Amino acid sequence: MPSSDPPSPARPQRPTASRTPRPTTPRTQTPPRGSPLTPAQAIAQAWMRESPDSQQKWRAADAQARDMYTNPRRWNTARRSPERKAKGKL
């Protein structure tokens, strides 16, 4: 006779009657639920939620990164530092 496992207990359901409905607020930036957001729309919405101070910090960080990328530090390998020159002499 094959042994069978006892049926697993059903997962308890969350009570739905105790949930209060969320108040509906007019949303001007979100498209209808049927259409998904494009990445550009999601970024634009996130940007609009940022505080003006945070937006300013992002702009400063972006400018700094752009400056470091377009004007990288150049390593000067033609010259040796005085300390390295002194170490090289015996």
PDB file of N, CA and C in Angstrom:
ATOM      1  N   MET A   1       0.848  -1.161   0.000  1.00  0.00           N
ATOM      2  CA  MET A   1       0.000   0.000   0.000  1.00  0.00           C
ATOM      3  C   MET A   1       0.904   1.238   0.000  1.00  0.00           C
ATOM      4  N   PRO A   2       0.752   2.149  -1.012  1.00  0.00           N
ATOM      5  CA  PRO A   2       1.613   3.334  -1.053  1.00  0.00           C
ATOM      6  C   PRO A   2       1.228   4.323   0.035  1.00  0.00           C
ATOM      7  N   SER A   3       2.276   4.915   0.633  1.00  0.00           N
ATOM      8  CA  SER A   3       1.973   5.906   1.660  1.00  0.00           C
ATOM      9  C   SER A   3       1.844   7.277   1.006  1.00  0.00           C
ATOM     10  N   SER A   4       0.907   8.007   1.454  1.00  0.00           N
ATOM     11  CA  SER A   4       0.716   9.354   0.890  1.00  0.00           C
ATOM     12  C   SER A   4       0.879  10.373   2.005  1.00  0.00           C
ATOM     13  N   ASP A   5       1.398  11.520   1.621  1.00  0.00           N
ATOM     14  CA  ASP A   5       1.581  12.584   2.602  1.00  0.00           C
ATOM     15  C   ASP A   5       0.224  13.188   2.939  1.00  0.00           C
ATOM     16  N   PRO A   6       0.103  13.624   4.177  1.00  0.00           N
ATOM     17  CA  PRO A   6      -1.168  14.279   4.529  1.00  0.00           C
ATOM     18  C   PRO A   6      -1.274  15.600   3.774  1.00  0.00           C
ATOM     19  N   PRO A   7      -2.466  16.047   3.505  1.00  0.00           N
ATOM     20  CA  PRO A   7      -2.627  17.314   2.782  1.00  0.00           C
ATOM     21  C   PRO A   7      -2.044  18.466   3.593  1.00  0.00           C
ATOM     22  N   SER A   8      -1.371  19.375   2.907  1.00  0.00           N
ATOM     23  CA  SER A   8      -0.780  20.509   3.618  1.00  0.00           C
ATOM     24  C   SER A   8      -1.881  21.488   3.996  1.00  0.00           C
ATOM     25  N   PRO A   9      -1.713  22.125   5.144  1.00  0.00           N
ATOM     26  CA  PRO A   9      -2.751  23.070   5.562  1.00  0.00           C
ATOM     27  C   PRO A   9      -2.787  24.244   4.583  1.00  0.00           C
ATOM     28  N   ALA A  10      -3.969  24.740   4.354  1.00  0.00           N
ATOM     29  CA  ALA A  10      -4.132  25.871   3.435  1.00  0.00           C
ATOM     30  C   ALA A  10      -3.499  27.120   4.041  1.00  0.00           C
ATOM     31  N   ARG A  11      -2.920  27.934   3.165  1.00  0.00           N
ATOM     32  CA  ARG A  11      -2.333  29.181   3.662  1.00  0.00           C
ATOM     33  C   ARG A  11      -3.439  30.085   4.182  1.00  0.00           C
ATOM     34  N   PRO A  12      -3.241  30.628   5.370  1.00  0.00           N
ATOM     35  CA  PRO A  12      -4.274  31.537   5.880  1.00  0.00           C
ATOM     36  C   PRO A  12      -4.320  32.787   5.015  1.00  0.00           C
ATOM     37  N   GLN A  13      -5.498  33.198   4.702  1.00  0.00           N
ATOM     38  CA  GLN A  13      -5.687  34.396   3.890  1.00  0.00           C
ATOM     39  C   GLN A  13      -5.667  35.623   4.778  1.00  0.00           C
ATOM     40  N   ARG A  14      -5.143  36.695   4.221  1.00  0.00           N
ATOM     41  CA  ARG A  14      -5.188  37.959   4.958  1.00  0.00           C
ATOM     42  C   ARG A  14      -6.625  38.451   5.007  1.00  0.00           C
ATOM     43  N   PRO A  15      -7.003  39.021   6.117  1.00  0.00           N
ATOM     44  CA  PRO A  15      -8.370  39.546   6.174  1.00  0.00           C
ATOM     45  C   PRO A  15      -8.495  40.750   5.239  1.00  0.00           C
ATOM     46  N   THR A  16      -9.464  40.702   4.363  1.00  0.00           N
ATOM     47  CA  THR A  16      -9.643  41.802   3.410  1.00  0.00           C
ATOM     48  C   THR A  16     -10.639  42.822   3.914  1.00  0.00           C
ATOM     49  N   ALA A  17     -11.494  42.450   4.851  1.00  0.00           N
ATOM     50  CA  ALA A  17     -12.508  43.376   5.333  1.00  0.00           C
ATOM     51  C   ALA A  17     -11.895  44.493   6.173  1.00  0.00           C
ATOM     52  N   SER A  18     -10.733  44.238   6.806  1.00  0.00           N
ATOM     53  CA  SER A  18     -10.154  45.257   7.680  1.00  0.00           C
ATOM     54  C   SER A  18      -9.362  46.303   6.904  1.00  0.00           C
ATOM     55  N   ARG A  19      -9.120  46.058   5.629  1.00  0.00           N
ATOM     56  CA  ARG A  19      -8.376  47.043   4.839  1.00  0.00           C
ATOM     57  C   ARG A  19      -9.247  48.255   4.558  1.00  0.00           C
ATOM     58  N   THR A  20      -8.636  49.384   4.713  1.00  0.00           N
ATOM     59  CA  THR A  20      -9.372  50.610   4.391  1.00  0.00           C
ATOM     60  C   THR A  20      -8.995  51.032   2.987  1.00  0.00           C
ATOM     61  N   PRO A  21      -9.946  51.453   2.195  1.00  0.00           N
ATOM     62  CA  PRO A  21      -9.598  51.865   0.829  1.00  0.00           C
ATOM     63  C   PRO A  21      -8.759  53.132   0.848  1.00  0.00           C
ATOM     64  N   ARG A  22      -7.800  53.161  -0.050  1.00  0.00           N
ATOM     65  CA  ARG A  22      -6.942  54.342  -0.129  1.00  0.00           C
ATOM     66  C   ARG A  22      -7.712  55.486  -0.768  1.00  0.00           C
ATOM     67  N   PRO A  23      -7.477  56.691  -0.286  1.00  0.00           N
ATOM     68  CA  PRO A  23      -8.161  57.821  -0.922  1.00  0.00           C
ATOM     69  C   PRO A  23      -7.613  58.031  -2.335  1.00  0.00           C
ATOM     70  N   THR A  24      -8.496  58.307  -3.226  1.00  0.00           N
ATOM     71  CA  THR A  24      -8.070  58.512  -4.605  1.00  0.00           C
ATOM     72  C   THR A  24      -7.630  59.952  -4.782  1.00  0.00           C
ATOM     73  N   THR A  25      -6.466  60.109  -5.377  1.00  0.00           N
ATOM     74  CA  THR A  25      -5.943  61.438  -5.654  1.00  0.00           C
ATOM     75  C   THR A  25      -5.745  61.552  -7.156  1.00  0.00           C
ATOM     76  N   PRO A  26      -6.001  62.698  -7.691  1.00  0.00           N
ATOM     77  CA  PRO A  26      -5.805  62.839  -9.139  1.00  0.00           C
ATOM     78  C   PRO A  26      -4.327  62.758  -9.484  1.00  0.00           C
ATOM     79  N   ARG A  27      -4.005  61.944 -10.451  1.00  0.00           N
ATOM     80  CA  ARG A  27      -2.622  61.773 -10.893  1.00  0.00           C
ATOM     81  C   ARG A  27      -2.513  62.328 -12.298  1.00  0.00           C
ATOM     82  N   THR A  28      -1.706  63.325 -12.432  1.00  0.00           N
ATOM     83  CA  THR A  28      -1.565  63.943 -13.748  1.00  0.00           C
ATOM     84  C   THR A  28      -0.402  63.360 -14.532  1.00  0.00           C
ATOM     85  N   GLN A  29       0.569  62.767 -13.852  1.00  0.00           N
ATOM     86  CA  GLN A  29       1.771  62.301 -14.526  1.00  0.00           C
ATOM     87  C   GLN A  29       1.696  60.844 -14.958  1.00  0.00           C
ATOM     88  N   THR A  30       0.816  60.041 -14.363  1.00  0.00           N
ATOM     89  CA  THR A  30       0.819  58.621 -14.666  1.00  0.00           C
ATOM     90  C   THR A  30      -0.136  58.317 -15.813  1.00  0.00           C
ATOM     91  N   PRO A  31       0.286  57.475 -16.728  1.00  0.00           N
ATOM     92  CA  PRO A  31      -0.594  57.072 -17.821  1.00  0.00           C
ATOM     93  C   PRO A  31      -1.616  56.060 -17.322  1.00  0.00           C
ATOM     94  N   PRO A  32      -2.573  55.694 -18.123  1.00  0.00           N
ATOM     95  CA  PRO A  32      -3.544  54.673 -17.698  1.00  0.00           C
ATOM     96  C   PRO A  32      -2.843  53.362 -17.364  1.00  0.00           C
ATOM     97  N   ARG A  33      -3.453  52.565 -16.504  1.00  0.00           N
ATOM     98  CA  ARG A  33      -2.822  51.338 -16.043  1.00  0.00           C
ATOM     99  C   ARG A  33      -2.546  50.351 -17.169  1.00  0.00           C
ATOM    100  N   GLY A  34      -3.254  50.435 -18.246  1.00  0.00           N
ATOM    101  CA  GLY A  34      -3.073  49.496 -19.335  1.00  0.00           C
ATOM    102  C   GLY A  34      -1.737  49.644 -20.041  1.00  0.00           C
ATOM    103  N   SER A  35      -1.182  50.841 -20.085  1.00  0.00           N
ATOM    104  CA  SER A  35       0.080  51.032 -20.804  1.00  0.00           C
ATOM    105  C   SER A  35       1.240  51.141 -19.821  1.00  0.00           C
ATOM    106  N   PRO A  36       2.302  50.360 -20.042  1.00  0.00           N
ATOM    107  CA  PRO A  36       3.454  50.432 -19.137  1.00  0.00           C
ATOM    108  C   PRO A  36       4.271  51.700 -19.394  1.00  0.00           C
ATOM    109  N   LEU A  37       5.018  52.086 -18.385  1.00  0.00           N
ATOM    110  CA  LEU A  37       5.872  53.261 -18.513  1.00  0.00           C
ATOM    111  C   LEU A  37       7.109  52.929 -19.336  1.00  0.00           C
ATOM    112  N   THR A  38       7.524  53.868 -20.139  1.00  0.00           N
ATOM    113  CA  THR A  38       8.803  53.715 -20.812  1.00  0.00           C
ATOM    114  C   THR A  38       9.887  54.100 -19.816  1.00  0.00           C
ATOM    115  N   PRO A  39      11.132  53.695 -20.031  1.00  0.00           N
ATOM    116  CA  PRO A  39      12.198  54.096 -19.112  1.00  0.00           C
ATOM    117  C   PRO A  39      12.321  55.615 -18.991  1.00  0.00           C
ATOM    118  N   ALA A  40      12.148  56.316 -20.097  1.00  0.00           N
ATOM    119  CA  ALA A  40      12.250  57.785 -20.056  1.00  0.00           C
ATOM    120  C   ALA A  40      11.141  58.376 -19.196  1.00  0.00           C
ATOM    121  N   GLN A  41       9.932  57.823 -19.302  1.00  0.00           N
ATOM    122  CA  GLN A  41       8.824  58.329 -18.487  1.00  0.00           C
ATOM    123  C   GLN A  41       9.056  58.042 -17.009  1.00  0.00           C
ATOM    124  N   ALA A  42       9.591  56.870 -16.696  1.00  0.00           N
ATOM    125  CA  ALA A  42       9.868  56.526 -15.302  1.00  0.00           C
ATOM    126  C   ALA A  42      10.926  57.451 -14.715  1.00  0.00           C
ATOM    127  N   ILE A  43      11.963  57.744 -15.501  1.00  0.00           N
ATOM    128  CA  ILE A  43      13.011  58.657 -15.033  1.00  0.00           C
ATOM    129  C   ILE A  43      12.450  60.054 -14.838  1.00  0.00           C
ATOM    130  N   ALA A  44      11.612  60.511 -15.774  1.00  0.00           N
ATOM    131  CA  ALA A  44      11.018  61.845 -15.659  1.00  0.00           C
ATOM    132  C   ALA A  44      10.138  61.946 -14.422  1.00  0.00           C
ATOM    133  N   GLN A  45       9.373  60.906 -14.141  1.00  0.00           N
ATOM    134  CA  GLN A  45       8.531  60.935 -12.946  1.00  0.00           C
ATOM    135  C   GLN A  45       9.369  60.938 -11.675  1.00  0.00           C
ATOM    136  N   ALA A  46      10.427  60.152 -11.642  1.00  0.00           N
ATOM    137  CA  ALA A  46      11.292  60.131 -10.461  1.00  0.00           C
ATOM    138  C   ALA A  46      11.961  61.484 -10.264  1.00  0.00           C
ATOM    139  N   TRP A  47      12.342  62.123 -11.354  1.00  0.00           N
ATOM    140  CA  TRP A  47      12.978  63.442 -11.264  1.00  0.00           C
ATOM    141  C   TRP A  47      12.000  64.473 -10.701  1.00  0.00           C
ATOM    142  N   MET A  48      10.745  64.388 -11.096  1.00  0.00           N
ATOM    143  CA  MET A  48       9.748  65.341 -10.603  1.00  0.00           C
ATOM    144  C   MET A  48       9.480  65.145  -9.110  1.00  0.00           C
ATOM    145  N   ARG A  49       9.709  63.934  -8.607  1.00  0.00           N
ATOM    146  CA  ARG A  49       9.501  63.685  -7.173  1.00  0.00           C
ATOM    147  C   ARG A  49      10.679  64.148  -6.329  1.00  0.00           C
ATOM    148  N   GLU A  50      11.828  64.395  -6.930  1.00  0.00           N
ATOM    149  CA  GLU A  50      13.001  64.859  -6.179  1.00  0.00           C
ATOM    150  C   GLU A  50      12.774  66.293  -5.676  1.00  0.00           C
ATOM    151  N   SER A  51      13.328  66.587  -4.521  1.00  0.00           N
ATOM    152  CA  SER A  51      13.229  67.943  -3.982  1.00  0.00           C
ATOM    153  C   SER A  51      14.163  68.864  -4.770  1.00  0.00           C
ATOM    154  N   PRO A  52      13.892  70.174  -4.770  1.00  0.00           N
ATOM    155  CA  PRO A  52      14.785  71.099  -5.487  1.00  0.00           C
ATOM    156  C   PRO A  52      16.232  71.014  -4.999  1.00  0.00           C
ATOM    157  N   ASP A  53      16.419  70.816  -3.692  1.00  0.00           N
ATOM    158  CA  ASP A  53      17.778  70.685  -3.157  1.00  0.00           C
ATOM    159  C   ASP A  53      18.453  69.433  -3.704  1.00  0.00           C
ATOM    160  N   SER A  54      17.715  68.342  -3.733  1.00  0.00           N
ATOM    161  CA  SER A  54      18.256  67.094  -4.260  1.00  0.00           C
ATOM    162  C   SER A  54      18.555  67.215  -5.755  1.00  0.00           C
ATOM    163  N   GLN A  55      17.682  67.901  -6.493  1.00  0.00           N
ATOM    164  CA  GLN A  55      17.929  68.114  -7.920  1.00  0.00           C
ATOM    165  C   GLN A  55      19.217  68.896  -8.132  1.00  0.00           C
ATOM    166  N   GLN A  56      19.449  69.894  -7.284  1.00  0.00           N
ATOM    167  CA  GLN A  56      20.670  70.687  -7.402  1.00  0.00           C
ATOM    168  C   GLN A  56      21.906  69.831  -7.126  1.00  0.00           C
ATOM    169  N   LYS A  57      21.816  68.952  -6.119  1.00  0.00           N
ATOM    170  CA  LYS A  57      22.945  68.063  -5.815  1.00  0.00           C
ATOM    171  C   LYS A  57      23.217  67.116  -6.981  1.00  0.00           C
ATOM    172  N   TRP A  58      22.150  66.582  -7.607  1.00  0.00           N
ATOM    173  CA  TRP A  58      22.332  65.707  -8.756  1.00  0.00           C
ATOM    174  C   TRP A  58      22.992  66.454  -9.908  1.00  0.00           C
ATOM    175  N   ARG A  59      22.572  67.697 -10.137  1.00  0.00           N
ATOM    176  CA  ARG A  59      23.169  68.490 -11.220  1.00  0.00           C
ATOM    177  C   ARG A  59      24.657  68.732 -10.969  1.00  0.00           C
ATOM    178  N   ALA A  60      25.010  69.033  -9.703  1.00  0.00           N
ATOM    179  CA  ALA A  60      26.416  69.269  -9.370  1.00  0.00           C
ATOM    180  C   ALA A  60      27.233  67.982  -9.553  1.00  0.00           C
ATOM    181  N   ALA A  61      26.693  66.844  -9.125  1.00  0.00           N
ATOM    182  CA  ALA A  61      27.405  65.578  -9.286  1.00  0.00           C
ATOM    183  C   ALA A  61      27.555  65.230 -10.764  1.00  0.00           C
ATOM    184  N   ASP A  62      26.520  65.519 -11.557  1.00  0.00           N
ATOM    185  CA  ASP A  62      26.581  65.254 -12.992  1.00  0.00           C
ATOM    186  C   ASP A  62      27.637  66.126 -13.657  1.00  0.00           C
ATOM    187  N   ALA A  63      27.692  67.402 -13.269  1.00  0.00           N
ATOM    188  CA  ALA A  63      28.694  68.308 -13.840  1.00  0.00           C
ATOM    189  C   ALA A  63      30.103  67.866 -13.466  1.00  0.00           C
ATOM    190  N   GLN A  64      30.281  67.424 -12.230  1.00  0.00           N
ATOM    191  CA  GLN A  64      31.604  66.959 -11.794  1.00  0.00           C
ATOM    192  C   GLN A  64      32.015  65.699 -12.558  1.00  0.00           C
ATOM    193  N   ALA A  65      31.091  64.761 -12.724  1.00  0.00           N
ATOM    194  CA  ALA A  65      31.412  63.538 -13.460  1.00  0.00           C
ATOM    195  C   ALA A  65      31.713  63.857 -14.924  1.00  0.00           C
ATOM    196  N   ARG A  66      30.940  64.772 -15.511  1.00  0.00           N
ATOM    197  CA  ARG A  66      31.179  65.157 -16.901  1.00  0.00           C
ATOM    198  C   ARG A  66      32.548  65.803 -17.053  1.00  0.00           C
ATOM    199  N   ASP A  67      32.909  66.656 -16.101  1.00  0.00           N
ATOM    200  CA  ASP A  67      34.205  67.332 -16.144  1.00  0.00           C
ATOM    201  C   ASP A  67      35.346  66.331 -15.998  1.00  0.00           C
ATOM    202  N   MET A  68      35.209  65.378 -15.092  1.00  0.00           N
ATOM    203  CA  MET A  68      36.265  64.376 -14.899  1.00  0.00           C
ATOM    204  C   MET A  68      36.397  63.465 -16.116  1.00  0.00           C
ATOM    205  N   TYR A  69      35.283  63.210 -16.801  1.00  0.00           N
ATOM    206  CA  TYR A  69      35.326  62.339 -17.965  1.00  0.00           C
ATOM    207  C   TYR A  69      35.915  63.062 -19.175  1.00  0.00           C
ATOM    208  N   THR A  70      35.517  64.315 -19.369  1.00  0.00           N
ATOM    209  CA  THR A  70      35.997  65.044 -20.545  1.00  0.00           C
ATOM    210  C   THR A  70      37.396  65.610 -20.351  1.00  0.00           C
ATOM    211  N   ASN A  71      37.823  65.820 -19.107  1.00  0.00           N
ATOM    212  CA  ASN A  71      39.161  66.352 -18.821  1.00  0.00           C
ATOM    213  C   ASN A  71      39.865  65.451 -17.814  1.00  0.00           C
ATOM    214  N   PRO A  72      40.261  64.249 -18.213  1.00  0.00           N
ATOM    215  CA  PRO A  72      40.891  63.347 -17.241  1.00  0.00           C
ATOM    216  C   PRO A  72      42.265  63.859 -16.823  1.00  0.00           C
ATOM    217  N   ARG A  73      42.679  63.425 -15.658  1.00  0.00           N
ATOM    218  CA  ARG A  73      44.021  63.790 -15.204  1.00  0.00           C
ATOM    219  C   ARG A  73      45.039  63.087 -16.075  1.00  0.00           C
ATOM    220  N   ARG A  74      46.054  63.799 -16.423  1.00  0.00           N
ATOM    221  CA  ARG A  74      47.119  63.218 -17.236  1.00  0.00           C
ATOM    222  C   ARG A  74      48.287  62.872 -16.329  1.00  0.00           C
ATOM    223  N   TRP A  75      48.780  61.671 -16.484  1.00  0.00           N
ATOM    224  CA  TRP A  75      49.941  61.256 -15.723  1.00  0.00           C
ATOM    225  C   TRP A  75      51.179  61.722 -16.464  1.00  0.00           C
ATOM    226  N   ASN A  76      52.036  62.420 -15.751  1.00  0.00           N
ATOM    227  CA  ASN A  76      53.270  62.906 -16.346  1.00  0.00           C
ATOM    228  C   ASN A  76      54.366  61.893 -16.043  1.00  0.00           C
ATOM    229  N   THR A  77      54.704  61.079 -17.019  1.00  0.00           N
ATOM    230  CA  THR A  77      55.705  60.042 -16.796  1.00  0.00           C
ATOM    231  C   THR A  77      57.086  60.462 -17.286  1.00  0.00           C
ATOM    232  N   ALA A  78      57.176  61.637 -17.894  1.00  0.00           N
ATOM    233  CA  ALA A  78      58.461  62.079 -18.429  1.00  0.00           C
ATOM    234  C   ALA A  78      59.405  62.532 -17.324  1.00  0.00           C
ATOM    235  N   ARG A  79      58.859  63.086 -16.280  1.00  0.00           N
ATOM    236  CA  ARG A  79      59.698  63.598 -15.190  1.00  0.00           C
ATOM    237  C   ARG A  79      59.661  62.643 -14.009  1.00  0.00           C
ATOM    238  N   ARG A  80      60.752  62.597 -13.300  1.00  0.00           N
ATOM    239  CA  ARG A  80      60.797  61.839 -12.062  1.00  0.00           C
ATOM    240  C   ARG A  80      60.782  62.817 -10.912  1.00  0.00           C
ATOM    241  N   SER A  81      60.116  62.451  -9.854  1.00  0.00           N
ATOM    242  CA  SER A  81      60.062  63.327  -8.688  1.00  0.00           C
ATOM    243  C   SER A  81      61.443  63.396  -8.039  1.00  0.00           C
ATOM    244  N   PRO A  82      61.737  64.454  -7.288  1.00  0.00           N
ATOM    245  CA  PRO A  82      63.035  64.566  -6.632  1.00  0.00           C
ATOM    246  C   PRO A  82      63.323  63.399  -5.687  1.00  0.00           C
ATOM    247  N   GLU A  83      62.265  62.898  -5.025  1.00  0.00           N
ATOM    248  CA  GLU A  83      62.469  61.773  -4.109  1.00  0.00           C
ATOM    249  C   GLU A  83      62.891  60.526  -4.881  1.00  0.00           C
ATOM    250  N   ARG A  84      62.295  60.293  -6.037  1.00  0.00           N
ATOM    251  CA  ARG A  84      62.627  59.107  -6.817  1.00  0.00           C
ATOM    252  C   ARG A  84      64.018  59.241  -7.430  1.00  0.00           C
ATOM    253  N   LYS A  85      64.378  60.481  -7.790  1.00  0.00           N
ATOM    254  CA  LYS A  85      65.729  60.691  -8.333  1.00  0.00           C
ATOM    255  C   LYS A  85      66.777  60.365  -7.287  1.00  0.00           C
ATOM    256  N   ALA A  86      66.542  60.818  -6.043  1.00  0.00           N
ATOM    257  CA  ALA A  86      67.495  60.598  -4.967  1.00  0.00           C
ATOM    258  C   ALA A  86      67.601  59.113  -4.632  1.00  0.00           C
ATOM    259  N   LYS A  87      66.485  58.394  -4.708  1.00  0.00           N
ATOM    260  CA  LYS A  87      66.525  56.964  -4.430  1.00  0.00           C
ATOM    261  C   LYS A  87      67.277  56.198  -5.490  1.00  0.00           C
ATOM    262  N   GLY A  88      67.220  56.677  -6.707  1.00  0.00           N
ATOM    263  CA  GLY A  88      67.868  55.981  -7.810  1.00  0.00           C
ATOM    264  C   GLY A  88      69.373  56.069  -7.790  1.00  0.00           C
ATOM    265  N   LYS A  89      69.910  57.090  -7.165  1.00  0.00           N
ATOM    266  CA  LYS A  89      71.381  57.270  -7.132  1.00  0.00           C
ATOM    267  C   LYS A  89      71.961  56.465  -5.991  1.00  0.00           C
ATOM    268  N   LEU A  90      73.033  55.827  -6.251  1.00  0.00           N
ATOM    269  CA  LEU A  90      73.704  55.061  -5.206  1.00  0.00           C
ATOM    270  C   LEU A  90      74.962  55.727  -4.750  1.00  0.00           C
TER     271      LEU A  90
END
